[in-house]
C-alpha atoms as a PDB file:
ATOM      1  CA  MET A   1       5.741  12.647  14.777  1.00  0.00           C
ATOM      2  CA  ALA A   2       3.024  14.946  14.517  1.00  0.00           C
ATOM      3  CA  ASP A   3      -0.247  14.802  12.235  1.00  0.00           C
ATOM      4  CA  HIS A   4       0.743  16.902   9.384  1.00  0.00           C
ATOM      5  CA  ASP A   5       3.921  14.933   8.487  1.00  0.00           C
ATOM      6  CA  LEU A   6       4.636  13.064   5.780  1.00  0.00           C
ATOM      7  CA  VAL A   7       4.438   9.628   5.514  1.00  0.00           C
ATOM      8  CA  ASP A   8       4.847   6.563   3.114  1.00  0.00           C
ATOM      9  CA  VAL A   9       2.788   3.660   4.054  1.00  0.00           C
ATOM     10  CA  SER A  10       3.198   0.541   1.575  1.00  0.00           C
ATOM     11  CA  ILE A  11       0.984  -2.059   0.755  1.00  0.00           C
ATOM     12  CA  SER A  12       1.597  -5.810  -0.795  1.00  0.00           C
ATOM     13  CA  ALA A  13      -1.219  -7.536  -3.088  1.00  0.00           C
ATOM     14  CA  ASP A  14      -1.850 -10.406  -4.986  1.00  0.00           C
ATOM     15  CA  ASP A  15      -4.061  -8.657  -7.417  1.00  0.00           C
ATOM     16  CA  ALA A  16      -2.668  -5.752  -9.448  1.00  0.00           C
ATOM     17  CA  ASP A  17      -5.893  -4.694 -10.856  1.00  0.00           C
ATOM     18  CA  TRP A  18      -7.739  -4.442  -7.332  1.00  0.00           C
ATOM     19  CA  LEU A  19      -4.195  -2.607  -5.687  1.00  0.00           C
ATOM     20  CA  ALA A  20      -4.539  -0.033  -8.535  1.00  0.00           C
ATOM     21  CA  ASP A  21      -8.492   0.406  -8.086  1.00  0.00           C
ATOM     22  CA  PHE A  22      -7.629   0.676  -4.256  1.00  0.00           C
ATOM     23  CA  THR A  23      -5.006   3.310  -4.613  1.00  0.00           C
ATOM     24  CA  ARG A  24      -6.883   5.058  -7.412  1.00  0.00           C
ATOM     25  CA  SER A  25      -9.845   5.516  -4.646  1.00  0.00           C
ATOM     26  CA  LEU A  26      -7.316   6.944  -1.684  1.00  0.00           C
ATOM     27  CA  VAL A  27      -5.947   9.461  -4.164  1.00  0.00           C
ATOM     28  CA  GLU A  28      -9.602  10.553  -5.225  1.00  0.00           C
ATOM     29  CA  ASP A  29     -10.869  10.382  -1.533  1.00  0.00           C
ATOM     30  CA  LYS A  30      -7.694  12.604  -0.521  1.00  0.00           C
ATOM     31  CA  LEU A  31      -6.033   9.890   1.591  1.00  0.00           C
ATOM     32  CA  ALA A  32      -2.736   9.867  -0.399  1.00  0.00           C
ATOM     33  CA  ALA A  33      -1.241  12.725  -2.429  1.00  0.00           C
ATOM     34  CA  CYS A  34       0.249   9.322  -4.755  1.00  0.00           C
ATOM     35  CA  GLY A  35       0.440   5.943  -4.973  1.00  0.00           C
ATOM     36  CA  ASN A  36       3.375   4.362  -6.645  1.00  0.00           C
ATOM     37  CA  LEU A  37       2.672   1.050  -8.013  1.00  0.00           C
ATOM     38  CA  ILE A  38       5.333  -1.074  -8.286  1.00  0.00           C
ATOM     39  CA  PRO A  39       5.040  -4.983 -10.049  1.00  0.00           C
ATOM     40  CA  GLY A  40       7.015  -7.852  -9.836  1.00  0.00           C
ATOM     41  CA  VAL A  41       7.299  -7.764  -6.258  1.00  0.00           C
ATOM     42  CA  ARG A  42       8.941 -11.090  -5.026  1.00  0.00           C
ATOM     43  CA  SER A  43       7.904 -11.408  -1.369  1.00  0.00           C
ATOM     44  CA  VAL A  44       8.192 -14.079   0.732  1.00  0.00           C
ATOM     45  CA  TYR A  45       6.073 -14.499   4.188  1.00  0.00           C
ATOM     46  CA  ARG A  46       4.234 -16.110   6.873  1.00  0.00           C
ATOM     47  CA  TRP A  47       0.839 -17.191   6.286  1.00  0.00           C
ATOM     48  CA  ASP A  48      -0.967 -19.790   8.665  1.00  0.00           C
ATOM     49  CA  GLY A  49       1.920 -21.493   9.619  1.00  0.00           C
ATOM     50  CA  ALA A  50       3.662 -22.012   6.093  1.00  0.00           C
ATOM     51  CA  ILE A  51       6.275 -19.733   4.224  1.00  0.00           C
ATOM     52  CA  HIS A  52       4.970 -18.342   1.117  1.00  0.00           C
ATOM     53  CA  ASP A  53       7.397 -17.192  -1.704  1.00  0.00           C
ATOM     54  CA  ASP A  54       5.077 -15.075  -3.965  1.00  0.00           C
ATOM     55  CA  GLN A  55       5.364 -12.550  -7.056  1.00  0.00           C
ATOM     56  CA  GLN A  56       2.828  -9.776  -5.920  1.00  0.00           C
ATOM     57  CA  THR A  57       2.341  -5.659  -6.368  1.00  0.00           C
ATOM     58  CA  LEU A  58       3.747  -2.720  -4.051  1.00  0.00           C
ATOM     59  CA  VAL A  59       2.256   0.116  -3.604  1.00  0.00           C
ATOM     60  CA  ILE A  60       3.824   3.168  -1.616  1.00  0.00           C
ATOM     61  CA  LEU A  61       1.641   5.286  -1.018  1.00  0.00           C
ATOM     62  CA  HIS A  62       2.530   9.132   0.243  1.00  0.00           C
ATOM     63  CA  THR A  63       0.151  10.664   2.762  1.00  0.00           C
ATOM     64  CA  ARG A  64       0.380  12.408   6.264  1.00  0.00           C
ATOM     65  CA  ALA A  65       1.044  10.554   9.263  1.00  0.00           C
ATOM     66  CA  ASP A  66      -3.011  12.182   9.913  1.00  0.00           C
ATOM     67  CA  LEU A  67      -4.383   9.838   7.564  1.00  0.00           C
ATOM     68  CA  VAL A  68      -2.843   6.912   8.187  1.00  0.00           C
ATOM     69  CA  PRO A  69      -5.890   5.207  10.448  1.00  0.00           C
ATOM     70  CA  ALA A  70      -8.351   5.731   7.187  1.00  0.00           C
ATOM     71  CA  ILE A  71      -5.854   3.815   4.831  1.00  0.00           C
ATOM     72  CA  ILE A  72      -5.928   1.616   7.383  1.00  0.00           C
END
């Protein structure tokens, strides 16, 4: 993959306002061209040895491959 290739990065969080603010800061800092926020995503995951089933908000960020380390 070349550094200029376009990629999508997905991040989920239980705090929709925090995720919107985080997305806005990435766009303002030109680390992402766009972020699509999708509320009401049901996430099933393992954390601390237990299975969780929670409502979260998902963002899909549109960015370049070379910017992913800065987002992380």
